[in-house]
Amino acid sequence: MIGCILTGHGDFARGLGGALEMIAGQQENFKTVCFLEEKSLEVFADDMRNAISK
């Protein structure tokens, strides 16, 4: 099964993912991971691992 993870600085990924859903509907195996300034690199890495495992 192939999935897609969209990531970016701030809320870019969440916003682009929302636009995708408005245009194409909800997608299976599609996750967004935001790289937020207030979160550490370790937290971002954990978020990416969690998205990959799903």
N, C-alpha and C. Protein backbone atom coordinates (compact mmCIF):
# COMPACT_ATOMS: atom_id res chain seq x y z
N MET A 1 0.85 -1.17 0.00
CA MET A 1 0.00 0.00 0.00
C MET A 1 0.90 1.24 0.00
N ILE A 2 0.62 2.16 -0.87
CA ILE A 2 1.40 3.39 -0.97
C ILE A 2 0.63 4.52 -0.30
N GLY A 3 1.35 5.32 0.48
CA GLY A 3 0.75 6.47 1.13
C GLY A 3 1.50 7.73 0.77
N CYS A 4 0.98 8.84 1.25
CA CYS A 4 1.60 10.14 0.98
C CYS A 4 1.61 10.95 2.27
N ILE A 5 2.76 11.53 2.59
CA ILE A 5 2.89 12.42 3.73
C ILE A 5 3.28 13.79 3.19
N LEU A 6 2.49 14.78 3.53
CA LEU A 6 2.75 16.16 3.13
C LEU A 6 3.26 16.91 4.36
N THR A 7 4.40 17.55 4.24
CA THR A 7 4.97 18.27 5.37
C THR A 7 5.47 19.64 4.91
N GLY A 8 5.63 20.54 5.85
CA GLY A 8 6.15 21.87 5.55
C GLY A 8 6.21 22.69 6.82
N HIS A 9 6.78 23.87 6.70
CA HIS A 9 6.92 24.77 7.84
C HIS A 9 5.56 25.37 8.21
N GLY A 10 5.37 25.58 9.49
CA GLY A 10 4.13 26.18 9.97
C GLY A 10 2.93 25.31 9.62
N ASP A 11 1.83 25.96 9.25
CA ASP A 11 0.61 25.24 8.91
C ASP A 11 0.45 25.02 7.41
N PHE A 12 1.55 25.15 6.65
CA PHE A 12 1.48 25.00 5.21
C PHE A 12 0.88 23.66 4.80
N ALA A 13 1.38 22.57 5.40
CA ALA A 13 0.92 21.23 5.03
C ALA A 13 -0.56 21.05 5.35
N ARG A 14 -0.98 21.51 6.50
CA ARG A 14 -2.39 21.39 6.89
C ARG A 14 -3.29 22.17 5.94
N GLY A 15 -2.86 23.37 5.57
CA GLY A 15 -3.64 24.20 4.64
C GLY A 15 -3.72 23.59 3.26
N LEU A 16 -2.60 23.11 2.74
CA LEU A 16 -2.60 22.50 1.41
C LEU A 16 -3.38 21.19 1.42
N GLY A 17 -3.27 20.44 2.50
CA GLY A 17 -4.05 19.21 2.63
C GLY A 17 -5.54 19.49 2.66
N GLY A 18 -5.94 20.57 3.34
CA GLY A 18 -7.35 20.97 3.36
C GLY A 18 -7.85 21.37 1.99
N ALA A 19 -7.02 22.08 1.23
CA ALA A 19 -7.39 22.47 -0.13
C ALA A 19 -7.54 21.24 -1.01
N LEU A 20 -6.66 20.27 -0.85
CA LEU A 20 -6.76 19.02 -1.60
C LEU A 20 -8.08 18.31 -1.31
N GLU A 21 -8.46 18.26 -0.04
CA GLU A 21 -9.72 17.62 0.33
C GLU A 21 -10.92 18.35 -0.27
N MET A 22 -10.87 19.67 -0.32
CA MET A 22 -11.98 20.42 -0.93
C MET A 22 -12.12 20.11 -2.41
N ILE A 23 -11.00 19.92 -3.08
CA ILE A 23 -11.01 19.68 -4.53
C ILE A 23 -11.28 18.21 -4.85
N ALA A 24 -10.57 17.30 -4.19
CA ALA A 24 -10.60 15.89 -4.58
C ALA A 24 -11.30 14.99 -3.56
N GLY A 25 -11.75 15.54 -2.44
CA GLY A 25 -12.36 14.71 -1.41
C GLY A 25 -11.31 14.11 -0.50
N GLN A 26 -11.79 13.44 0.54
CA GLN A 26 -10.87 12.85 1.50
C GLN A 26 -10.08 11.73 0.84
N GLN A 27 -8.78 11.69 1.11
CA GLN A 27 -7.87 10.72 0.50
C GLN A 27 -7.48 9.66 1.51
N GLU A 28 -7.39 8.41 1.04
CA GLU A 28 -6.89 7.34 1.90
C GLU A 28 -5.37 7.41 1.94
N ASN A 29 -4.81 7.00 3.05
CA ASN A 29 -3.35 6.92 3.20
C ASN A 29 -2.66 8.25 2.93
N PHE A 30 -3.26 9.33 3.37
CA PHE A 30 -2.72 10.67 3.20
C PHE A 30 -2.66 11.34 4.56
N LYS A 31 -1.48 11.76 4.96
CA LYS A 31 -1.29 12.40 6.26
C LYS A 31 -0.54 13.71 6.07
N THR A 32 -0.81 14.67 6.95
CA THR A 32 -0.04 15.90 6.97
C THR A 32 0.73 15.97 8.29
N VAL A 33 1.94 16.47 8.22
CA VAL A 33 2.79 16.65 9.40
C VAL A 33 3.35 18.06 9.33
N CYS A 34 2.98 18.87 10.29
CA CYS A 34 3.44 20.26 10.32
C CYS A 34 4.73 20.38 11.12
N PHE A 35 5.66 21.14 10.60
CA PHE A 35 6.92 21.42 11.29
C PHE A 35 6.76 22.79 11.93
N LEU A 36 6.33 22.78 13.19
CA LEU A 36 6.02 24.02 13.89
C LEU A 36 7.23 24.55 14.65
N GLU A 37 7.35 25.85 14.67
CA GLU A 37 8.50 26.51 15.29
C GLU A 37 8.63 26.16 16.78
N GLU A 38 7.51 26.00 17.46
CA GLU A 38 7.56 25.76 18.90
C GLU A 38 7.85 24.29 19.26
N LYS A 39 7.91 23.41 18.26
CA LYS A 39 8.21 22.01 18.52
C LYS A 39 9.66 21.70 18.15
N SER A 40 10.24 20.80 18.89
CA SER A 40 11.65 20.44 18.64
C SER A 40 11.75 19.51 17.43
N LEU A 41 12.96 19.35 16.93
CA LEU A 41 13.21 18.45 15.82
C LEU A 41 12.88 17.01 16.22
N GLU A 42 13.11 16.66 17.47
CA GLU A 42 12.80 15.31 17.94
C GLU A 42 11.29 15.05 17.89
N VAL A 43 10.49 16.03 18.25
CA VAL A 43 9.03 15.89 18.19
C VAL A 43 8.58 15.75 16.74
N PHE A 44 9.17 16.55 15.86
CA PHE A 44 8.85 16.45 14.43
C PHE A 44 9.20 15.06 13.91
N ALA A 45 10.36 14.54 14.29
CA ALA A 45 10.77 13.20 13.86
C ALA A 45 9.79 12.14 14.38
N ASP A 46 9.33 12.28 15.61
CA ASP A 46 8.33 11.35 16.15
C ASP A 46 7.03 11.45 15.36
N ASP A 47 6.60 12.67 15.04
CA ASP A 47 5.37 12.86 14.26
C ASP A 47 5.50 12.21 12.88
N MET A 48 6.68 12.33 12.26
CA MET A 48 6.91 11.70 10.96
C MET A 48 6.87 10.17 11.09
N ARG A 49 7.50 9.63 12.12
CA ARG A 49 7.48 8.17 12.33
C ARG A 49 6.05 7.67 12.53
N ASN A 50 5.25 8.41 13.29
CA ASN A 50 3.86 8.03 13.52
C ASN A 50 3.06 8.05 12.21
N ALA A 51 3.29 9.07 11.39
CA ALA A 51 2.59 9.17 10.11
C ALA A 51 2.99 8.02 9.19
N ILE A 52 4.26 7.67 9.19
CA ILE A 52 4.75 6.57 8.35
C ILE A 52 4.13 5.25 8.79
N SER A 53 4.03 5.04 10.09
CA SER A 53 3.48 3.77 10.60
C SER A 53 1.99 3.61 10.32
N LYS A 54 1.31 4.73 10.10
CA LYS A 54 -0.14 4.67 9.79
C LYS A 54 -0.32 4.47 8.32
